[in-house]
PDB file of N, CA and C in Angstrom:
ATOM      1  N   MET A   1     107.409  50.371 211.050  1.00  0.00           N
ATOM      2  CA  MET A   1     108.568  51.224 210.886  1.00  0.00           C
ATOM      3  C   MET A   1     109.357  51.283 212.179  1.00  0.00           C
ATOM      4  N   ARG A   2     110.628  51.529 211.993  1.00  0.00           N
ATOM      5  CA  ARG A   2     111.507  51.630 213.147  1.00  0.00           C
ATOM      6  C   ARG A   2     111.760  53.095 213.467  1.00  0.00           C
ATOM      7  N   GLY A   3     112.223  53.324 214.694  1.00  0.00           N
ATOM      8  CA  GLY A   3     112.537  54.679 215.115  1.00  0.00           C
ATOM      9  C   GLY A   3     113.762  55.218 214.399  1.00  0.00           C
ATOM     10  N   PRO A   4     114.207  56.381 214.805  1.00  0.00           N
ATOM     11  CA  PRO A   4     115.329  57.032 214.130  1.00  0.00           C
ATOM     12  C   PRO A   4     116.642  56.275 214.271  1.00  0.00           C
ATOM     13  N   TRP A   5     116.763  55.386 215.249  1.00  0.00           N
ATOM     14  CA  TRP A   5     118.006  54.643 215.436  1.00  0.00           C
ATOM     15  C   TRP A   5     117.985  53.300 214.745  1.00  0.00           C
ATOM     16  N   GLY A   6     116.893  52.943 214.120  1.00  0.00           N
ATOM     17  CA  GLY A   6     116.831  51.695 213.380  1.00  0.00           C
ATOM     18  C   GLY A   6     116.817  50.482 214.278  1.00  0.00           C
ATOM     19  N   ARG A   7     117.280  49.411 213.732  1.00  0.00           N
ATOM     20  CA  ARG A   7     117.200  48.111 214.395  1.00  0.00           C
ATOM     21  C   ARG A   7     118.075  48.026 215.642  1.00  0.00           C
ATOM     22  N   PHE A   8     119.241  48.693 215.619  1.00  0.00           N
ATOM     23  CA  PHE A   8     120.195  48.524 216.710  1.00  0.00           C
ATOM     24  C   PHE A   8     120.328  49.767 217.591  1.00  0.00           C
ATOM     25  N   GLY A   9     119.343  50.625 217.578  1.00  0.00           N
ATOM     26  CA  GLY A   9     119.396  51.840 218.372  1.00  0.00           C
ATOM     27  C   GLY A   9     119.494  51.547 219.850  1.00  0.00           C
ATOM     28  N   GLY A  10     120.399  52.247 220.529  1.00  0.00           N
ATOM     29  CA  GLY A  10     120.549  52.098 221.967  1.00  0.00           C
ATOM     30  C   GLY A  10     121.405  50.924 222.403  1.00  0.00           C
ATOM     31  N   MET A  11     121.991  50.176 221.458  1.00  0.00           N
ATOM     32  CA  MET A  11     122.827  49.030 221.810  1.00  0.00           C
ATOM     33  C   MET A  11     124.294  49.433 221.848  1.00  0.00           C
ATOM     34  N   ASP A  12     125.064  48.704 222.646  1.00  0.00           N
ATOM     35  CA  ASP A  12     126.518  48.849 222.606  1.00  0.00           C
ATOM     36  C   ASP A  12     127.027  48.262 221.298  1.00  0.00           C
ATOM     37  N   VAL A  13     128.276  48.580 220.965  1.00  0.00           N
ATOM     38  CA  VAL A  13     128.869  48.050 219.731  1.00  0.00           C
ATOM     39  C   VAL A  13     128.920  46.527 219.777  1.00  0.00           C
ATOM     40  N   SER A  14     129.310  45.965 220.910  1.00  0.00           N
ATOM     41  CA  SER A  14     129.408  44.505 221.010  1.00  0.00           C
ATOM     42  C   SER A  14     128.031  43.847 220.862  1.00  0.00           C
ATOM     43  N   GLU A  15     127.015  44.498 221.389  1.00  0.00           N
ATOM     44  CA  GLU A  15     125.663  43.952 221.255  1.00  0.00           C
ATOM     45  C   GLU A  15     125.176  44.029 219.812  1.00  0.00           C
ATOM     46  N   ALA A  16     125.557  45.089 219.111  1.00  0.00           N
ATOM     47  CA  ALA A  16     125.138  45.252 217.722  1.00  0.00           C
ATOM     48  C   ALA A  16     125.873  44.272 216.813  1.00  0.00           C
ATOM     49  N   LYS A  17     127.078  43.878 217.178  1.00  0.00           N
ATOM     50  CA  LYS A  17     127.864  42.944 216.371  1.00  0.00           C
ATOM     51  C   LYS A  17     127.393  41.505 216.558  1.00  0.00           C
ATOM     52  N   GLN A  18     126.762  41.199 217.671  1.00  0.00           N
ATOM     53  CA  GLN A  18     126.374  39.829 217.975  1.00  0.00           C
ATOM     54  C   GLN A  18     125.480  39.210 216.910  1.00  0.00           C
ATOM     55  N   PRO A  19     124.434  39.881 216.408  1.00  0.00           N
ATOM     56  CA  PRO A  19     123.613  39.251 215.369  1.00  0.00           C
ATOM     57  C   PRO A  19     124.425  38.915 214.123  1.00  0.00           C
ATOM     58  N   ARG A  20     125.378  39.769 213.768  1.00  0.00           N
ATOM     59  CA  ARG A  20     126.217  39.504 212.592  1.00  0.00           C
ATOM     60  C   ARG A  20     127.066  38.261 212.825  1.00  0.00           C
ATOM     61  N   THR A  21     127.613  38.128 214.030  1.00  0.00           N
ATOM     62  CA  THR A  21     128.416  36.961 214.370  1.00  0.00           C
ATOM     63  C   THR A  21     127.566  35.702 214.291  1.00  0.00           C
ATOM     64  N   LEU A  22     126.355  35.775 214.793  1.00  0.00           N
ATOM     65  CA  LEU A  22     125.460  34.617 214.746  1.00  0.00           C
ATOM     66  C   LEU A  22     125.069  34.286 213.312  1.00  0.00           C
ATOM     67  N   GLU A  23     124.862  35.308 212.485  1.00  0.00           N
ATOM     68  CA  GLU A  23     124.532  35.069 211.077  1.00  0.00           C
ATOM     69  C   GLU A  23     125.698  34.400 210.362  1.00  0.00           C
ATOM     70  N   ASP A  24     126.924  34.827 210.651  1.00  0.00           N
ATOM     71  CA  ASP A  24     128.112  34.220 210.042  1.00  0.00           C
ATOM     72  C   ASP A  24     128.244  32.761 210.463  1.00  0.00           C
ATOM     73  N   GLU A  25     128.037  32.500 211.756  1.00  0.00           N
ATOM     74  CA  GLU A  25     128.136  31.129 212.249  1.00  0.00           C
ATOM     75  C   GLU A  25     127.039  30.256 211.639  1.00  0.00           C
ATOM     76  N   ASN A  26     125.842  30.805 211.509  1.00  0.00           N
ATOM     77  CA  ASN A  26     124.728  30.072 210.915  1.00  0.00           C
ATOM     78  C   ASN A  26     125.027  29.725 209.459  1.00  0.00           C
ATOM     79  N   ALA A  27     125.599  30.661 208.716  1.00  0.00           N
ATOM     80  CA  ALA A  27     125.955  30.408 207.321  1.00  0.00           C
ATOM     81  C   ALA A  27     127.009  29.308 207.224  1.00  0.00           C
ATOM     82  N   LYS A  28     127.986  29.344 208.127  1.00  0.00           N
ATOM     83  CA  LYS A  28     129.032  28.314 208.135  1.00  0.00           C
ATOM     84  C   LYS A  28     128.432  26.935 208.417  1.00  0.00           C
ATOM     85  N   LEU A  29     127.540  26.872 209.392  1.00  0.00           N
ATOM     86  CA  LEU A  29     126.900  25.600 209.734  1.00  0.00           C
ATOM     87  C   LEU A  29     126.035  25.078 208.586  1.00  0.00           C
ATOM     88  N   LYS A  30     125.353  25.977 207.891  1.00  0.00           N
ATOM     89  CA  LYS A  30     124.538  25.572 206.739  1.00  0.00           C
ATOM     90  C   LYS A  30     125.414  24.996 205.630  1.00  0.00           C
ATOM     91  N   ARG A  31     126.580  25.610 205.391  1.00  0.00           N
ATOM     92  CA  ARG A  31     127.510  25.077 204.385  1.00  0.00           C
ATOM     93  C   ARG A  31     128.010  23.698 204.788  1.00  0.00           C
ATOM     94  N   MET A  32     128.337  23.542 206.070  1.00  0.00           N
ATOM     95  CA  MET A  32     128.810  22.245 206.560  1.00  0.00           C
ATOM     96  C   MET A  32     127.733  21.179 206.386  1.00  0.00           C
ATOM     97  N   LEU A  33     126.490  21.524 206.674  1.00  0.00           N
ATOM     98  CA  LEU A  33     125.387  20.586 206.518  1.00  0.00           C
ATOM     99  C   LEU A  33     125.191  20.215 205.052  1.00  0.00           C
ATOM    100  N   ALA A  34     125.252  21.196 204.168  1.00  0.00           N
ATOM    101  CA  ALA A  34     125.097  20.933 202.739  1.00  0.00           C
ATOM    102  C   ALA A  34     126.207  20.019 202.235  1.00  0.00           C
ATOM    103  N   ASP A  35     127.446  20.241 202.691  1.00  0.00           N
ATOM    104  CA  ASP A  35     128.558  19.381 202.295  1.00  0.00           C
ATOM    105  C   ASP A  35     128.346  17.948 202.780  1.00  0.00           C
ATOM    106  N   ALA A  36     127.905  17.800 204.021  1.00  0.00           N
ATOM    107  CA  ALA A  36     127.669  16.474 204.576  1.00  0.00           C
ATOM    108  C   ALA A  36     126.546  15.757 203.823  1.00  0.00           C
ATOM    109  N   MET A  37     125.494  16.489 203.469  1.00  0.00           N
ATOM    110  CA  MET A  37     124.388  15.886 202.729  1.00  0.00           C
ATOM    111  C   MET A  37     124.837  15.455 201.329  1.00  0.00           C
ATOM    112  N   LEU A  38     125.676  16.263 200.696  1.00  0.00           N
ATOM    113  CA  LEU A  38     126.203  15.924 199.383  1.00  0.00           C
ATOM    114  C   LEU A  38     127.088  14.685 199.461  1.00  0.00           C
ATOM    115  N   ASP A  39     127.928  14.607 200.476  1.00  0.00           N
ATOM    116  CA  ASP A  39     128.760  13.415 200.682  1.00  0.00           C
ATOM    117  C   ASP A  39     127.895  12.184 200.878  1.00  0.00           C
ATOM    118  N   ASN A  40     126.814  12.331 201.627  1.00  0.00           N
ATOM    119  CA  ASN A  40     125.901  11.223 201.901  1.00  0.00           C
ATOM    120  C   ASN A  40     125.272  10.711 200.606  1.00  0.00           C
ATOM    121  N   VAL A  41     124.833  11.607 199.755  1.00  0.00           N
ATOM    122  CA  VAL A  41     124.227  11.225 198.475  1.00  0.00           C
ATOM    123  C   VAL A  41     125.258  10.512 197.604  1.00  0.00           C
ATOM    124  N   ALA A  42     126.466  11.030 197.571  1.00  0.00           N
ATOM    125  CA  ALA A  42     127.524  10.423 196.757  1.00  0.00           C
ATOM    126  C   ALA A  42     127.845   9.014 197.248  1.00  0.00           C
ATOM    127  N   LEU A  43     127.909   8.841 198.552  1.00  0.00           N
ATOM    128  CA  LEU A  43     128.193   7.510 199.106  1.00  0.00           C
ATOM    129  C   LEU A  43     127.057   6.537 198.822  1.00  0.00           C
ATOM    130  N   LYS A  44     125.830   6.995 198.931  1.00  0.00           N
ATOM    131  CA  LYS A  44     124.690   6.127 198.622  1.00  0.00           C
ATOM    132  C   LYS A  44     124.719   5.699 197.162  1.00  0.00           C
ATOM    133  N   ASP A  45     125.010   6.633 196.265  1.00  0.00           N
ATOM    134  CA  ASP A  45     125.099   6.302 194.844  1.00  0.00           C
ATOM    135  C   ASP A  45     126.193   5.276 194.600  1.00  0.00           C
ATOM    136  N   LEU A  46     127.316   5.433 195.272  1.00  0.00           N
ATOM    137  CA  LEU A  46     128.423   4.513 195.111  1.00  0.00           C
ATOM    138  C   LEU A  46     128.059   3.120 195.614  1.00  0.00           C
ATOM    139  N   LEU A  47     127.361   3.044 196.723  1.00  0.00           N
ATOM    140  CA  LEU A  47     126.976   1.755 197.307  1.00  0.00           C
ATOM    141  C   LEU A  47     125.916   1.036 196.471  1.00  0.00           C
ATOM    142  N   GLU A  48     125.081   1.786 195.766  1.00  0.00           N
ATOM    143  CA  GLU A  48     124.022   1.171 194.973  1.00  0.00           C
ATOM    144  C   GLU A  48     124.541   0.529 193.699  1.00  0.00           C
ATOM    145  N   LYS A  49     125.713   0.940 193.240  1.00  0.00           N
ATOM    146  CA  LYS A  49     126.248   0.389 192.002  1.00  0.00           C
ATOM    147  C   LYS A  49     126.704  -1.042 192.249  1.00  0.00           C
ATOM    148  N   ASN A  50     126.490  -1.880 191.248  1.00  0.00           N
ATOM    149  CA  ASN A  50     126.964  -3.260 191.338  1.00  0.00           C
ATOM    150  C   ASN A  50     128.368  -3.334 190.783  1.00  0.00           C
ATOM    151  N   TRP A  51     129.295  -3.821 191.560  1.00  0.00           N
ATOM    152  CA  TRP A  51     130.683  -3.891 191.112  1.00  0.00           C
ATOM    153  C   TRP A  51     130.925  -5.214 190.487  1.00  0.00           C
TER     154      TRP A  51
END
């Protein structure tokens, strides 16, 4: 259990916002990676077809 101030007790506002900023950036990077992986699969499928 956490104390009465919870996870961010005793932090400045900017310090408390930092984890949220990092979570947002992490989500953006994960989306970018998923898009790149999807593009990679699509290109591989296209290359495997005999024209």
